[in-house]
Amino acid sequence: MQAHALVYPMFAMVLLTASTLARLFVSRLGSVRAGAVNPRFFQIYQGGAEPEASAKLARHFVNLFEAPTLFYVACLAALATEQSGTGLVALAWLYVAVRCVHTFIHTGSNVLNARIAAYFSSWFVLLALWIRVVVGAAER
């Protein structure tokens, strides 16, 4: 398997992030139209409270710029060191899958135990991905 195959799971993460942003925009627009929040609230995020539905999406959108940045860096490090292989790409796709599950839980039912399990599962996969990248770099 060629190293450039890592571009696809990275793009999938970008799509996950973009879809969360789109859902956030629609949710905020809906809450403004329904009169649940004054549009001025979004100027400096003061003078009220954001409705729960859009607040969950906003928090999750921020979350997609935290740990996933380490995913992108791991993939880029693998590309830079010309690493490839089914195991590496499988770990990248597994990370994306677990992050999709986390997104589904966090922005949906938000059941805390399930969300925590998905979140820490993504960290275990991310650590495995990094270990694979570091070992692969050391072997070169």
N, C-alpha and C. Protein backbone atom coordinates (compact mmCIF):
# COMPACT_ATOMS: atom_id res chain seq x y z
N MET A 1 0.85 -1.17 0.00
CA MET A 1 0.00 0.00 0.00
C MET A 1 0.90 1.24 0.00
N GLN A 2 0.55 2.23 -0.80
CA GLN A 2 1.38 3.42 -0.93
C GLN A 2 1.10 4.42 0.19
N ALA A 3 2.13 5.18 0.53
CA ALA A 3 2.03 6.14 1.63
C ALA A 3 0.93 7.17 1.40
N HIS A 4 0.72 7.54 0.15
CA HIS A 4 -0.29 8.58 -0.11
C HIS A 4 -1.70 8.13 0.27
N ALA A 5 -1.87 6.84 0.58
CA ALA A 5 -3.18 6.35 1.02
C ALA A 5 -3.62 7.02 2.32
N LEU A 6 -2.69 7.60 3.06
CA LEU A 6 -3.03 8.30 4.30
C LEU A 6 -3.78 9.61 4.05
N VAL A 7 -3.72 10.10 2.83
CA VAL A 7 -4.44 11.33 2.50
C VAL A 7 -5.95 11.11 2.66
N TYR A 8 -6.43 9.93 2.38
CA TYR A 8 -7.87 9.67 2.41
C TYR A 8 -8.45 9.71 3.83
N PRO A 9 -7.85 9.05 4.81
CA PRO A 9 -8.40 9.21 6.17
C PRO A 9 -8.25 10.64 6.69
N MET A 10 -7.19 11.34 6.29
CA MET A 10 -7.07 12.75 6.69
C MET A 10 -8.21 13.57 6.09
N PHE A 11 -8.53 13.31 4.83
CA PHE A 11 -9.63 14.02 4.19
C PHE A 11 -10.96 13.68 4.86
N ALA A 12 -11.11 12.43 5.28
CA ALA A 12 -12.33 12.03 5.99
C ALA A 12 -12.48 12.82 7.30
N MET A 13 -11.36 13.04 8.00
CA MET A 13 -11.42 13.85 9.22
C MET A 13 -11.79 15.30 8.90
N VAL A 14 -11.28 15.81 7.80
CA VAL A 14 -11.65 17.17 7.37
C VAL A 14 -13.15 17.22 7.09
N LEU A 15 -13.68 16.21 6.43
CA LEU A 15 -15.12 16.17 6.15
C LEU A 15 -15.94 16.08 7.43
N LEU A 16 -15.46 15.30 8.40
CA LEU A 16 -16.14 15.21 9.69
C LEU A 16 -16.18 16.58 10.36
N THR A 17 -15.06 17.28 10.33
CA THR A 17 -14.98 18.61 10.93
C THR A 17 -15.89 19.59 10.18
N ALA A 18 -15.87 19.55 8.87
CA ALA A 18 -16.70 20.44 8.07
C ALA A 18 -18.19 20.16 8.29
N SER A 19 -18.55 18.89 8.41
CA SER A 19 -19.96 18.57 8.63
C SER A 19 -20.41 19.04 10.01
N THR A 20 -19.52 18.98 10.98
CA THR A 20 -19.85 19.49 12.31
C THR A 20 -20.04 21.00 12.26
N LEU A 21 -19.19 21.68 11.53
CA LEU A 21 -19.33 23.13 11.37
C LEU A 21 -20.66 23.47 10.69
N ALA A 22 -21.01 22.74 9.65
CA ALA A 22 -22.28 22.99 8.95
C ALA A 22 -23.47 22.77 9.88
N ARG A 23 -23.42 21.69 10.66
CA ARG A 23 -24.49 21.43 11.62
C ARG A 23 -24.56 22.52 12.68
N LEU A 24 -23.42 23.02 13.12
CA LEU A 24 -23.38 24.10 14.09
C LEU A 24 -24.02 25.36 13.53
N PHE A 25 -23.68 25.70 12.30
CA PHE A 25 -24.24 26.89 11.66
C PHE A 25 -25.76 26.78 11.55
N VAL A 26 -26.24 25.63 11.09
CA VAL A 26 -27.68 25.42 10.94
C VAL A 26 -28.38 25.49 12.30
N SER A 27 -27.76 24.90 13.32
CA SER A 27 -28.34 24.92 14.66
C SER A 27 -28.41 26.34 15.21
N ARG A 28 -27.34 27.09 15.05
CA ARG A 28 -27.34 28.47 15.55
C ARG A 28 -28.34 29.34 14.79
N LEU A 29 -28.39 29.17 13.51
CA LEU A 29 -29.34 29.92 12.70
C LEU A 29 -30.77 29.59 13.13
N GLY A 30 -31.03 28.32 13.34
CA GLY A 30 -32.36 27.89 13.79
C GLY A 30 -32.72 28.45 15.15
N SER A 31 -31.76 28.49 16.06
CA SER A 31 -32.06 29.02 17.39
C SER A 31 -32.31 30.52 17.35
N VAL A 32 -31.63 31.23 16.47
CA VAL A 32 -31.87 32.66 16.30
C VAL A 32 -33.26 32.88 15.70
N ARG A 33 -33.57 32.13 14.65
CA ARG A 33 -34.88 32.26 13.99
C ARG A 33 -36.03 31.90 14.93
N ALA A 34 -35.81 30.95 15.82
CA ALA A 34 -36.85 30.54 16.77
C ALA A 34 -36.95 31.49 17.95
N GLY A 35 -36.03 32.44 18.04
CA GLY A 35 -36.04 33.39 19.15
C GLY A 35 -35.45 32.83 20.43
N ALA A 36 -34.78 31.69 20.35
CA ALA A 36 -34.18 31.08 21.53
C ALA A 36 -32.92 31.81 21.99
N VAL A 37 -32.33 32.57 21.08
CA VAL A 37 -31.12 33.33 21.42
C VAL A 37 -31.09 34.59 20.56
N ASN A 38 -30.63 35.65 21.17
CA ASN A 38 -30.49 36.92 20.45
C ASN A 38 -29.26 36.83 19.56
N PRO A 39 -29.36 37.23 18.30
CA PRO A 39 -28.19 37.14 17.41
C PRO A 39 -26.99 37.93 17.92
N ARG A 40 -27.21 38.94 18.74
CA ARG A 40 -26.10 39.72 19.29
C ARG A 40 -25.24 38.88 20.24
N PHE A 41 -25.81 37.82 20.78
CA PHE A 41 -25.05 36.93 21.66
C PHE A 41 -23.79 36.44 20.95
N PHE A 42 -23.90 36.16 19.65
CA PHE A 42 -22.80 35.58 18.91
C PHE A 42 -21.70 36.58 18.54
N GLN A 43 -21.93 37.86 18.84
CA GLN A 43 -20.88 38.85 18.58
C GLN A 43 -19.70 38.66 19.52
N ILE A 44 -19.99 38.50 20.81
CA ILE A 44 -18.90 38.30 21.78
C ILE A 44 -19.21 37.17 22.77
N TYR A 45 -20.26 36.40 22.48
CA TYR A 45 -20.67 35.27 23.31
C TYR A 45 -20.91 35.67 24.75
N GLN A 46 -21.59 36.78 24.92
CA GLN A 46 -22.01 37.26 26.24
C GLN A 46 -23.43 37.81 26.13
N GLY A 47 -24.08 37.95 27.28
CA GLY A 47 -25.42 38.51 27.29
C GLY A 47 -26.49 37.47 27.05
N GLY A 48 -26.25 36.29 27.51
CA GLY A 48 -27.22 35.21 27.34
C GLY A 48 -26.52 33.88 27.36
N ALA A 49 -27.24 32.88 26.96
CA ALA A 49 -26.67 31.54 26.91
C ALA A 49 -27.03 30.90 25.58
N GLU A 50 -26.10 30.17 25.05
CA GLU A 50 -26.34 29.45 23.81
C GLU A 50 -27.21 28.23 24.11
N PRO A 51 -28.20 27.96 23.28
CA PRO A 51 -29.02 26.76 23.49
C PRO A 51 -28.17 25.50 23.52
N GLU A 52 -28.62 24.50 24.26
CA GLU A 52 -27.83 23.28 24.47
C GLU A 52 -27.43 22.60 23.17
N ALA A 53 -28.34 22.52 22.22
CA ALA A 53 -28.04 21.82 20.96
C ALA A 53 -26.85 22.44 20.24
N SER A 54 -26.85 23.75 20.10
CA SER A 54 -25.72 24.38 19.41
C SER A 54 -24.49 24.46 20.31
N ALA A 55 -24.68 24.53 21.62
CA ALA A 55 -23.52 24.55 22.53
C ALA A 55 -22.76 23.23 22.44
N LYS A 56 -23.49 22.11 22.34
CA LYS A 56 -22.82 20.80 22.19
C LYS A 56 -22.03 20.76 20.89
N LEU A 57 -22.64 21.23 19.82
CA LEU A 57 -21.95 21.24 18.53
C LEU A 57 -20.74 22.16 18.56
N ALA A 58 -20.87 23.32 19.21
CA ALA A 58 -19.75 24.25 19.31
C ALA A 58 -18.59 23.63 20.08
N ARG A 59 -18.91 22.99 21.19
CA ARG A 59 -17.85 22.36 21.99
C ARG A 59 -17.19 21.22 21.20
N HIS A 60 -18.01 20.48 20.47
CA HIS A 60 -17.43 19.37 19.70
C HIS A 60 -16.58 19.89 18.54
N PHE A 61 -17.02 20.97 17.92
CA PHE A 61 -16.24 21.55 16.83
C PHE A 61 -14.85 21.94 17.34
N VAL A 62 -14.79 22.57 18.50
CA VAL A 62 -13.50 22.92 19.11
C VAL A 62 -12.70 21.65 19.39
N ASN A 63 -13.38 20.61 19.88
CA ASN A 63 -12.72 19.35 20.19
C ASN A 63 -12.04 18.75 18.97
N LEU A 64 -12.62 18.98 17.79
CA LEU A 64 -12.03 18.43 16.56
C LEU A 64 -10.75 19.15 16.14
N PHE A 65 -10.37 20.19 16.87
CA PHE A 65 -9.10 20.87 16.63
C PHE A 65 -8.11 20.62 17.77
N GLU A 66 -8.43 19.71 18.64
CA GLU A 66 -7.54 19.37 19.75
C GLU A 66 -6.77 18.10 19.40
N ALA A 67 -7.16 16.95 19.90
CA ALA A 67 -6.43 15.69 19.65
C ALA A 67 -6.29 15.36 18.16
N PRO A 68 -7.29 15.62 17.33
CA PRO A 68 -7.11 15.27 15.91
C PRO A 68 -5.93 15.97 15.24
N THR A 69 -5.46 17.07 15.78
CA THR A 69 -4.28 17.69 15.17
C THR A 69 -3.09 16.74 15.26
N LEU A 70 -3.02 15.95 16.33
CA LEU A 70 -1.94 14.97 16.47
C LEU A 70 -2.11 13.85 15.45
N PHE A 71 -3.35 13.56 15.07
CA PHE A 71 -3.61 12.58 14.01
C PHE A 71 -3.05 13.08 12.69
N TYR A 72 -3.37 14.33 12.36
CA TYR A 72 -2.86 14.90 11.10
C TYR A 72 -1.33 14.90 11.08
N VAL A 73 -0.74 15.26 12.19
CA VAL A 73 0.73 15.32 12.26
C VAL A 73 1.33 13.92 12.11
N ALA A 74 0.70 12.93 12.73
CA ALA A 74 1.20 11.55 12.59
C ALA A 74 1.15 11.10 11.14
N CYS A 75 0.04 11.40 10.48
CA CYS A 75 -0.09 11.03 9.06
C CYS A 75 0.94 11.77 8.21
N LEU A 76 1.12 13.05 8.48
CA LEU A 76 2.11 13.82 7.72
C LEU A 76 3.53 13.33 7.99
N ALA A 77 3.80 12.93 9.24
CA ALA A 77 5.13 12.38 9.56
C ALA A 77 5.35 11.07 8.80
N ALA A 78 4.30 10.26 8.71
CA ALA A 78 4.42 9.01 7.95
C ALA A 78 4.65 9.30 6.47
N LEU A 79 3.94 10.28 5.95
CA LEU A 79 4.15 10.65 4.54
C LEU A 79 5.56 11.20 4.32
N ALA A 80 6.02 12.03 5.24
CA ALA A 80 7.35 12.64 5.10
C ALA A 80 8.47 11.61 5.17
N THR A 81 8.25 10.56 5.92
CA THR A 81 9.26 9.51 6.04
C THR A 81 8.98 8.34 5.10
N GLU A 82 8.05 8.58 4.17
CA GLU A 82 7.71 7.61 3.12
C GLU A 82 7.31 6.25 3.68
N GLN A 83 6.52 6.28 4.75
CA GLN A 83 6.02 5.04 5.32
C GLN A 83 4.70 4.67 4.68
N SER A 84 4.47 3.39 4.59
CA SER A 84 3.21 2.90 4.07
C SER A 84 2.93 1.56 4.73
N GLY A 85 1.89 0.95 4.30
CA GLY A 85 1.55 -0.36 4.82
C GLY A 85 0.11 -0.41 5.28
N THR A 86 -0.43 -1.60 5.18
CA THR A 86 -1.83 -1.81 5.53
C THR A 86 -2.09 -1.49 7.00
N GLY A 87 -1.17 -1.86 7.88
CA GLY A 87 -1.35 -1.61 9.31
C GLY A 87 -1.44 -0.13 9.63
N LEU A 88 -0.58 0.65 9.02
CA LEU A 88 -0.56 2.10 9.24
C LEU A 88 -1.86 2.73 8.74
N VAL A 89 -2.25 2.39 7.55
CA VAL A 89 -3.48 2.95 6.97
C VAL A 89 -4.70 2.47 7.75
N ALA A 90 -4.69 1.23 8.18
CA ALA A 90 -5.80 0.70 8.97
C ALA A 90 -5.95 1.46 10.29
N LEU A 91 -4.83 1.76 10.93
CA LEU A 91 -4.89 2.55 12.17
C LEU A 91 -5.45 3.94 11.91
N ALA A 92 -5.06 4.54 10.80
CA ALA A 92 -5.58 5.87 10.46
C ALA A 92 -7.09 5.82 10.25
N TRP A 93 -7.56 4.83 9.50
CA TRP A 93 -9.00 4.69 9.28
C TRP A 93 -9.73 4.34 10.57
N LEU A 94 -9.12 3.55 11.41
CA LEU A 94 -9.74 3.20 12.69
C LEU A 94 -9.89 4.45 13.55
N TYR A 95 -8.88 5.31 13.53
CA TYR A 95 -8.99 6.57 14.27
C TYR A 95 -10.18 7.39 13.77
N VAL A 96 -10.31 7.50 12.46
CA VAL A 96 -11.42 8.25 11.89
C VAL A 96 -12.76 7.63 12.31
N ALA A 97 -12.84 6.32 12.26
CA ALA A 97 -14.09 5.63 12.63
C ALA A 97 -14.45 5.91 14.09
N VAL A 98 -13.48 5.81 14.97
CA VAL A 98 -13.75 6.04 16.39
C VAL A 98 -14.12 7.50 16.64
N ARG A 99 -13.48 8.41 15.91
CA ARG A 99 -13.85 9.83 16.05
C ARG A 99 -15.26 10.09 15.51
N CYS A 100 -15.67 9.35 14.49
CA CYS A 100 -17.05 9.47 14.00
C CYS A 100 -18.03 8.99 15.07
N VAL A 101 -17.71 7.89 15.72
CA VAL A 101 -18.55 7.39 16.81
C VAL A 101 -18.61 8.43 17.92
N HIS A 102 -17.47 8.99 18.27
CA HIS A 102 -17.43 10.02 19.31
C HIS A 102 -18.30 11.22 18.92
N THR A 103 -18.21 11.64 17.67
CA THR A 103 -19.04 12.76 17.19
C THR A 103 -20.51 12.41 17.30
N PHE A 104 -20.88 11.22 16.87
CA PHE A 104 -22.28 10.78 16.92
C PHE A 104 -22.80 10.84 18.35
N ILE A 105 -22.00 10.34 19.29
CA ILE A 105 -22.43 10.33 20.70
C ILE A 105 -22.46 11.74 21.27
N HIS A 106 -21.37 12.49 21.10
CA HIS A 106 -21.24 13.81 21.71
C HIS A 106 -22.30 14.78 21.21
N THR A 107 -22.58 14.75 19.92
CA THR A 107 -23.54 15.70 19.36
C THR A 107 -24.96 15.15 19.32
N GLY A 108 -25.12 13.92 19.75
CA GLY A 108 -26.44 13.30 19.79
C GLY A 108 -26.91 13.10 21.22
N SER A 109 -26.96 11.84 21.62
CA SER A 109 -27.46 11.49 22.95
C SER A 109 -26.60 12.04 24.08
N ASN A 110 -25.31 12.20 23.82
CA ASN A 110 -24.34 12.72 24.78
C ASN A 110 -24.31 11.90 26.08
N VAL A 111 -24.49 10.59 25.95
CA VAL A 111 -24.38 9.70 27.10
C VAL A 111 -22.92 9.70 27.54
N LEU A 112 -22.69 10.16 28.75
CA LEU A 112 -21.32 10.43 29.18
C LEU A 112 -20.42 9.20 29.16
N ASN A 113 -20.88 8.07 29.68
CA ASN A 113 -20.02 6.87 29.71
C ASN A 113 -19.64 6.42 28.31
N ALA A 114 -20.59 6.44 27.39
CA ALA A 114 -20.31 6.05 26.00
C ALA A 114 -19.36 7.06 25.36
N ARG A 115 -19.58 8.33 25.64
CA ARG A 115 -18.72 9.37 25.07
C ARG A 115 -17.29 9.23 25.57
N ILE A 116 -17.14 8.99 26.86
CA ILE A 116 -15.80 8.81 27.44
C ILE A 116 -15.11 7.58 26.82
N ALA A 117 -15.85 6.50 26.66
CA ALA A 117 -15.28 5.28 26.07
C ALA A 117 -14.81 5.55 24.65
N ALA A 118 -15.61 6.24 23.87
CA ALA A 118 -15.22 6.55 22.49
C ALA A 118 -14.02 7.49 22.47
N TYR A 119 -14.03 8.47 23.34
CA TYR A 119 -12.94 9.45 23.38
C TYR A 119 -11.61 8.77 23.72
N PHE A 120 -11.60 7.97 24.78
CA PHE A 120 -10.35 7.32 25.16
C PHE A 120 -9.94 6.22 24.18
N SER A 121 -10.91 5.60 23.54
CA SER A 121 -10.58 4.64 22.48
C SER A 121 -9.84 5.34 21.35
N SER A 122 -10.28 6.55 21.01
CA SER A 122 -9.60 7.29 19.95
C SER A 122 -8.17 7.62 20.37
N TRP A 123 -7.96 7.90 21.65
CA TRP A 123 -6.60 8.17 22.12
C TRP A 123 -5.72 6.93 22.04
N PHE A 124 -6.26 5.76 22.37
CA PHE A 124 -5.48 4.53 22.27
C PHE A 124 -5.08 4.27 20.82
N VAL A 125 -6.01 4.48 19.90
CA VAL A 125 -5.71 4.29 18.48
C VAL A 125 -4.67 5.32 18.03
N LEU A 126 -4.82 6.55 18.48
CA LEU A 126 -3.87 7.60 18.12
C LEU A 126 -2.47 7.27 18.64
N LEU A 127 -2.38 6.78 19.86
CA LEU A 127 -1.07 6.39 20.41
C LEU A 127 -0.48 5.22 19.62
N ALA A 128 -1.31 4.26 19.25
CA ALA A 128 -0.83 3.13 18.44
C ALA A 128 -0.34 3.62 17.09
N LEU A 129 -1.05 4.56 16.49
CA LEU A 129 -0.63 5.14 15.22
C LEU A 129 0.72 5.82 15.36
N TRP A 130 0.88 6.60 16.41
CA TRP A 130 2.15 7.28 16.63
C TRP A 130 3.30 6.30 16.87
N ILE A 131 3.03 5.27 17.64
CA ILE A 131 4.07 4.25 17.89
C ILE A 131 4.48 3.61 16.57
N ARG A 132 3.50 3.30 15.74
CA ARG A 132 3.79 2.71 14.42
C ARG A 132 4.63 3.65 13.57
N VAL A 133 4.30 4.94 13.60
CA VAL A 133 5.06 5.93 12.81
C VAL A 133 6.48 6.05 13.34
N VAL A 134 6.66 6.11 14.64
CA VAL A 134 7.99 6.25 15.24
C VAL A 134 8.83 5.01 14.97
N VAL A 135 8.26 3.85 15.16
CA VAL A 135 8.99 2.60 14.88
C VAL A 135 9.36 2.53 13.41
N GLY A 136 8.43 2.89 12.55
CA GLY A 136 8.71 2.89 11.12
C GLY A 136 9.81 3.86 10.74
N ALA A 137 9.83 5.03 11.38
CA ALA A 137 10.88 6.01 11.10
C ALA A 137 12.23 5.49 11.59
N ALA A 138 12.23 4.82 12.74
CA ALA A 138 13.48 4.30 13.29
C ALA A 138 14.06 3.18 12.43
N GLU A 139 13.19 2.48 11.74
CA GLU A 139 13.64 1.37 10.89
C GLU A 139 14.21 1.87 9.55
N ARG A 140 14.03 3.11 9.24
CA ARG A 140 14.48 3.64 7.94
C ARG A 140 15.91 4.04 7.98
